[in-house]
Amino acid sequence: MLELSILGFLYEKPLHGYELKERIQGLSGHVRPVSDGALYPAITRLVKGGLVDSRTEPGASAAPRRTLSLTPEGRRELLARLREPKDAEITDGQRWFTLLAFLGHLPDRADQAAVLRRRQEFLLTPASFFYEDGTAVSVEREPDLFRQGMLRIARATGNEEKAWLAEALELLGA
């Protein structure tokens, strides 16, 4: 998801490494902090892969700064990743939010709708944090107060997301 975030933010405009880190940190928040030890090697891989261009410019004080921008190949790669996300990017909440943050970059509304439909299908599949004999345990069947809380929060969040997905799909004409 780090590479998707890098490509997504650079699609919007060229950024210095620190600015990029700040944007990624804002998106992932405290859930998955971004370390320099993860960010800069990812940038290096993208530069070596021809997806990101890095150029050195004079800094505001004495130190030069690297400005990162997306190459045409990087733009194509981002759009391909958005068009055909991996299953984990549909099913994992934090990865889904990262994907959703950049889904508007896809120019084709039908492609956007196809991704939303995949998430919608996932949410319509009965699931739980807890299972008994292969069956999802519902909040009504869970005796533990704290597990009930988990299940109630997940249900409320899921219901709200399903409602938003239905509205978004209607707006997209899907």
C-alpha atoms as a PDB file:
ATOM      1  CA  MET A   1       0.000   0.000   0.000  1.00  0.00           C
ATOM      2  CA  LEU A   2       2.996   2.252   0.472  1.00  0.00           C
ATOM      3  CA  GLU A   3       3.778   2.202  -3.246  1.00  0.00           C
ATOM      4  CA  LEU A   4       0.136   2.893  -4.112  1.00  0.00           C
ATOM      5  CA  SER A   5       0.184   5.879  -1.750  1.00  0.00           C
ATOM      6  CA  ILE A   6       3.394   7.200  -3.275  1.00  0.00           C
ATOM      7  CA  LEU A   7       2.056   6.868  -6.817  1.00  0.00           C
ATOM      8  CA  GLY A   8      -1.323   8.302  -5.826  1.00  0.00           C
ATOM      9  CA  PHE A   9       0.031  11.414  -4.154  1.00  0.00           C
ATOM     10  CA  LEU A  10       2.585  12.038  -6.901  1.00  0.00           C
ATOM     11  CA  TYR A  11      -0.221  11.734  -9.484  1.00  0.00           C
ATOM     12  CA  GLU A  12      -1.638  14.885  -7.939  1.00  0.00           C
ATOM     13  CA  LYS A  13       1.593  16.910  -8.006  1.00  0.00           C
ATOM     14  CA  PRO A  14       5.372  16.629  -7.574  1.00  0.00           C
ATOM     15  CA  LEU A  15       6.447  16.510  -3.928  1.00  0.00           C
ATOM     16  CA  HIS A  16       9.578  16.550  -1.830  1.00  0.00           C
ATOM     17  CA  GLY A  17      10.237  13.396   0.181  1.00  0.00           C
ATOM     18  CA  TYR A  18       9.221  15.014   3.465  1.00  0.00           C
ATOM     19  CA  GLU A  19       5.964  16.354   2.003  1.00  0.00           C
ATOM     20  CA  LEU A  20       5.179  12.914   0.608  1.00  0.00           C
ATOM     21  CA  LYS A  21       5.844  11.298   3.986  1.00  0.00           C
ATOM     22  CA  GLU A  22       3.527  13.778   5.695  1.00  0.00           C
ATOM     23  CA  ARG A  23       0.692  13.051   3.243  1.00  0.00           C
ATOM     24  CA  ILE A  24       1.113   9.301   3.578  1.00  0.00           C
ATOM     25  CA  GLN A  25       1.242   9.635   7.364  1.00  0.00           C
ATOM     26  CA  GLY A  26      -2.011  11.622   7.282  1.00  0.00           C
ATOM     27  CA  LEU A  27      -3.684   8.935   5.205  1.00  0.00           C
ATOM     28  CA  SER A  28      -2.522   5.964   7.252  1.00  0.00           C
ATOM     29  CA  GLY A  29      -2.539   7.795  10.580  1.00  0.00           C
ATOM     30  CA  HIS A  30      -1.434   6.012  13.693  1.00  0.00           C
ATOM     31  CA  VAL A  31      -2.592   2.656  12.332  1.00  0.00           C
ATOM     32  CA  ARG A  32       0.461   2.110  10.142  1.00  0.00           C
ATOM     33  CA  PRO A  33       3.151   4.719  10.740  1.00  0.00           C
ATOM     34  CA  VAL A  34       5.540   5.297   7.847  1.00  0.00           C
ATOM     35  CA  SER A  35       9.223   5.084   8.689  1.00  0.00           C
ATOM     36  CA  ASP A  36      12.034   6.523   6.611  1.00  0.00           C
ATOM     37  CA  GLY A  37      13.382   2.954   6.479  1.00  0.00           C
ATOM     38  CA  ALA A  38      10.290   1.888   4.536  1.00  0.00           C
ATOM     39  CA  LEU A  39       9.525   5.049   2.560  1.00  0.00           C
ATOM     40  CA  TYR A  40      12.877   5.831   0.981  1.00  0.00           C
ATOM     41  CA  PRO A  41      13.646   2.279  -0.208  1.00  0.00           C
ATOM     42  CA  ALA A  42      10.135   2.198  -1.765  1.00  0.00           C
ATOM     43  CA  ILE A  43      10.850   5.489  -3.535  1.00  0.00           C
ATOM     44  CA  THR A  44      14.193   4.110  -4.742  1.00  0.00           C
ATOM     45  CA  ARG A  45      12.459   1.000  -6.156  1.00  0.00           C
ATOM     46  CA  LEU A  46       9.927   3.169  -7.979  1.00  0.00           C
ATOM     47  CA  VAL A  47      12.676   5.404  -9.379  1.00  0.00           C
ATOM     48  CA  LYS A  48      14.687   2.385 -10.540  1.00  0.00           C
ATOM     49  CA  GLY A  49      11.514   0.927 -12.056  1.00  0.00           C
ATOM     50  CA  GLY A  50      10.970   4.088 -14.100  1.00  0.00           C
ATOM     51  CA  LEU A  51       7.694   4.959 -12.349  1.00  0.00           C
ATOM     52  CA  VAL A  52       8.967   7.976 -10.410  1.00  0.00           C
ATOM     53  CA  ASP A  53      11.449  10.674 -11.413  1.00  0.00           C
ATOM     54  CA  SER A  54      13.734  12.181  -8.782  1.00  0.00           C
ATOM     55  CA  ARG A  55      15.590  15.427  -9.313  1.00  0.00           C
ATOM     56  CA  THR A  56      17.663  17.485  -6.913  1.00  0.00           C
ATOM     57  CA  GLU A  57      16.800  21.143  -6.401  1.00  0.00           C
ATOM     58  CA  PRO A  58      18.232  23.809  -4.132  1.00  0.00           C
ATOM     59  CA  GLY A  59      16.594  23.745  -0.711  1.00  0.00           C
ATOM     60  CA  ALA A  60      15.062  26.662   1.159  1.00  0.00           C
ATOM     61  CA  SER A  61      18.202  26.844   3.279  1.00  0.00           C
ATOM     62  CA  ALA A  62      21.513  25.233   2.302  1.00  0.00           C
ATOM     63  CA  ALA A  63      20.551  21.586   1.867  1.00  0.00           C
ATOM     64  CA  PRO A  64      19.370  20.438  -1.576  1.00  0.00           C
ATOM     65  CA  ARG A  65      15.989  18.718  -1.777  1.00  0.00           C
ATOM     66  CA  ARG A  66      14.819  15.858  -3.928  1.00  0.00           C
ATOM     67  CA  THR A  67      11.644  16.539  -5.859  1.00  0.00           C
ATOM     68  CA  LEU A  68       9.694  13.459  -6.850  1.00  0.00           C
ATOM     69  CA  SER A  69       7.265  13.313  -9.755  1.00  0.00           C
ATOM     70  CA  LEU A  70       5.354  10.620 -11.561  1.00  0.00           C
ATOM     71  CA  THR A  71       6.580   9.494 -14.966  1.00  0.00           C
ATOM     72  CA  PRO A  72       4.109   8.605 -17.733  1.00  0.00           C
ATOM     73  CA  GLU A  73       4.806   4.936 -16.930  1.00  0.00           C
ATOM     74  CA  GLY A  74       4.084   5.672 -13.260  1.00  0.00           C
ATOM     75  CA  ARG A  75       0.714   7.199 -14.210  1.00  0.00           C
ATOM     76  CA  ARG A  76      -0.145   4.097 -16.252  1.00  0.00           C
ATOM     77  CA  GLU A  77       0.923   1.837 -13.356  1.00  0.00           C
ATOM     78  CA  LEU A  78      -1.188   3.757 -10.840  1.00  0.00           C
ATOM     79  CA  LEU A  79      -4.273   3.589 -13.053  1.00  0.00           C
ATOM     80  CA  ALA A  80      -3.731  -0.142 -13.636  1.00  0.00           C
ATOM     81  CA  ARG A  81      -3.447  -0.767  -9.881  1.00  0.00           C
ATOM     82  CA  LEU A  82      -6.611   1.230  -9.245  1.00  0.00           C
ATOM     83  CA  ARG A  83      -8.503  -0.501 -12.044  1.00  0.00           C
ATOM     84  CA  GLU A  84      -7.570  -4.021 -10.889  1.00  0.00           C
ATOM     85  CA  PRO A  85      -6.859  -3.939  -7.152  1.00  0.00           C
ATOM     86  CA  LYS A  86      -5.706  -7.071  -5.361  1.00  0.00           C
ATOM     87  CA  ASP A  87      -8.280  -8.914  -3.251  1.00  0.00           C
ATOM     88  CA  ALA A  88      -6.541  -7.773  -0.052  1.00  0.00           C
ATOM     89  CA  GLU A  89      -7.045  -4.162  -1.139  1.00  0.00           C
ATOM     90  CA  ILE A  90     -10.779  -4.830  -1.302  1.00  0.00           C
ATOM     91  CA  THR A  91     -11.100  -6.831   1.933  1.00  0.00           C
ATOM     92  CA  ASP A  92      -8.671  -5.112   4.331  1.00  0.00           C
ATOM     93  CA  GLY A  93     -10.121  -1.919   5.799  1.00  0.00           C
ATOM     94  CA  GLN A  94      -6.946   0.186   5.846  1.00  0.00           C
ATOM     95  CA  ARG A  95      -5.886  -0.969   2.393  1.00  0.00           C
ATOM     96  CA  TRP A  96      -9.405  -0.230   1.129  1.00  0.00           C
ATOM     97  CA  PHE A  97      -9.209   3.324   2.471  1.00  0.00           C
ATOM     98  CA  THR A  98      -5.866   3.820   0.714  1.00  0.00           C
ATOM     99  CA  LEU A  99      -7.358   2.565  -2.548  1.00  0.00           C
ATOM    100  CA  LEU A 100     -10.456   4.699  -2.061  1.00  0.00           C
ATOM    101  CA  ALA A 101      -8.306   7.809  -1.489  1.00  0.00           C
ATOM    102  CA  PHE A 102      -7.030   7.576  -5.072  1.00  0.00           C
ATOM    103  CA  LEU A 103      -9.924   5.887  -6.891  1.00  0.00           C
ATOM    104  CA  GLY A 104     -11.061   9.282  -8.191  1.00  0.00           C
ATOM    105  CA  HIS A 105      -7.933   9.372 -10.381  1.00  0.00           C
ATOM    106  CA  LEU A 106      -9.460   6.688 -12.599  1.00  0.00           C
ATOM    107  CA  PRO A 107     -10.960   8.605 -15.524  1.00  0.00           C
ATOM    108  CA  ASP A 108     -13.597   5.988 -16.397  1.00  0.00           C
ATOM    109  CA  ARG A 109     -16.637   5.939 -14.121  1.00  0.00           C
ATOM    110  CA  ALA A 110     -17.360   2.346 -15.159  1.00  0.00           C
ATOM    111  CA  ASP A 111     -13.924   1.323 -13.848  1.00  0.00           C
ATOM    112  CA  GLN A 112     -14.580   3.180 -10.604  1.00  0.00           C
ATOM    113  CA  ALA A 113     -17.963   1.479 -10.258  1.00  0.00           C
ATOM    114  CA  ALA A 114     -16.455  -1.964 -10.896  1.00  0.00           C
ATOM    115  CA  VAL A 115     -14.095  -1.500  -7.949  1.00  0.00           C
ATOM    116  CA  LEU A 116     -16.937  -0.287  -5.717  1.00  0.00           C
ATOM    117  CA  ARG A 117     -19.032  -3.299  -6.716  1.00  0.00           C
ATOM    118  CA  ARG A 118     -16.218  -5.621  -5.659  1.00  0.00           C
ATOM    119  CA  ARG A 119     -16.190  -3.993  -2.214  1.00  0.00           C
ATOM    120  CA  GLN A 120     -19.975  -4.145  -2.068  1.00  0.00           C
ATOM    121  CA  GLU A 121     -19.954  -7.877  -2.856  1.00  0.00           C
ATOM    122  CA  PHE A 122     -17.357  -8.425  -0.140  1.00  0.00           C
ATOM    123  CA  LEU A 123     -19.461  -6.557   2.436  1.00  0.00           C
ATOM    124  CA  LEU A 124     -22.586  -8.527   1.528  1.00  0.00           C
ATOM    125  CA  THR A 125     -20.851 -11.806   2.424  1.00  0.00           C
ATOM    126  CA  PRO A 126     -21.706 -12.752   6.029  1.00  0.00           C
ATOM    127  CA  ALA A 127     -18.622 -12.417   8.228  1.00  0.00           C
ATOM    128  CA  SER A 128     -17.620 -12.072  11.835  1.00  0.00           C
ATOM    129  CA  PHE A 129     -14.545 -11.788  13.989  1.00  0.00           C
ATOM    130  CA  PHE A 130     -15.664 -14.999  15.696  1.00  0.00           C
ATOM    131  CA  TYR A 131     -16.936 -18.317  14.360  1.00  0.00           C
ATOM    132  CA  GLU A 132     -18.591 -21.331  15.928  1.00  0.00           C
ATOM    133  CA  ASP A 133     -18.670 -24.581  13.960  1.00  0.00           C
ATOM    134  CA  GLY A 134     -17.879 -22.642  10.775  1.00  0.00           C
ATOM    135  CA  THR A 135     -20.751 -20.185  11.274  1.00  0.00           C
ATOM    136  CA  ALA A 136     -20.232 -16.474  11.846  1.00  0.00           C
ATOM    137  CA  VAL A 137     -21.206 -15.443  15.383  1.00  0.00           C
ATOM    138  CA  SER A 138     -23.635 -12.506  15.424  1.00  0.00           C
ATOM    139  CA  VAL A 139     -23.811  -9.860  18.122  1.00  0.00           C
ATOM    140  CA  GLU A 140     -27.098 -11.386  19.286  1.00  0.00           C
ATOM    141  CA  ARG A 141     -25.378 -14.727  19.917  1.00  0.00           C
ATOM    142  CA  GLU A 142     -22.202 -13.363  21.527  1.00  0.00           C
ATOM    143  CA  PRO A 143     -22.294 -13.495  25.355  1.00  0.00           C
ATOM    144  CA  ASP A 144     -19.095 -11.473  25.970  1.00  0.00           C
ATOM    145  CA  LEU A 145     -19.774  -7.740  26.470  1.00  0.00           C
ATOM    146  CA  PHE A 146     -16.562  -6.600  24.758  1.00  0.00           C
ATOM    147  CA  ARG A 147     -16.917  -8.896  21.791  1.00  0.00           C
ATOM    148  CA  GLN A 148     -20.489  -7.632  21.465  1.00  0.00           C
ATOM    149  CA  GLY A 149     -19.002  -4.139  21.253  1.00  0.00           C
ATOM    150  CA  MET A 150     -16.647  -5.195  18.465  1.00  0.00           C
ATOM    151  CA  LEU A 151     -19.486  -6.794  16.540  1.00  0.00           C
ATOM    152  CA  ARG A 152     -21.871  -3.838  17.027  1.00  0.00           C
ATOM    153  CA  ILE A 153     -19.272  -1.321  15.883  1.00  0.00           C
ATOM    154  CA  ALA A 154     -18.398  -3.454  12.866  1.00  0.00           C
ATOM    155  CA  ARG A 155     -22.094  -3.843  11.989  1.00  0.00           C
ATOM    156  CA  ALA A 156     -22.753  -0.112  12.218  1.00  0.00           C
ATOM    157  CA  THR A 157     -19.681   0.736  10.164  1.00  0.00           C
ATOM    158  CA  GLY A 158     -20.538  -1.939   7.604  1.00  0.00           C
ATOM    159  CA  ASN A 159     -24.130  -0.748   7.278  1.00  0.00           C
ATOM    160  CA  GLU A 160     -22.995   2.838   6.740  1.00  0.00           C
ATOM    161  CA  GLU A 161     -20.437   1.775   4.153  1.00  0.00           C
ATOM    162  CA  LYS A 162     -23.030  -0.342   2.305  1.00  0.00           C
ATOM    163  CA  ALA A 163     -25.361   2.661   2.183  1.00  0.00           C
ATOM    164  CA  TRP A 164     -22.569   4.900   0.860  1.00  0.00           C
ATOM    165  CA  LEU A 165     -21.573   2.314  -1.765  1.00  0.00           C
ATOM    166  CA  ALA A 166     -25.172   2.113  -3.013  1.00  0.00           C
ATOM    167  CA  GLU A 167     -25.336   5.927  -3.269  1.00  0.00           C
ATOM    168  CA  ALA A 168     -21.952   6.176  -4.993  1.00  0.00           C
ATOM    169  CA  LEU A 169     -22.851   3.478  -7.503  1.00  0.00           C
ATOM    170  CA  GLU A 170     -26.091   5.282  -8.290  1.00  0.00           C
ATOM    171  CA  LEU A 171     -24.206   8.556  -8.809  1.00  0.00           C
ATOM    172  CA  LEU A 172     -21.766   6.765 -11.106  1.00  0.00           C
ATOM    173  CA  GLY A 173     -24.715   5.431 -13.091  1.00  0.00           C
ATOM    174  CA  ALA A 174     -23.873   1.825 -12.295  1.00  0.00           C
END
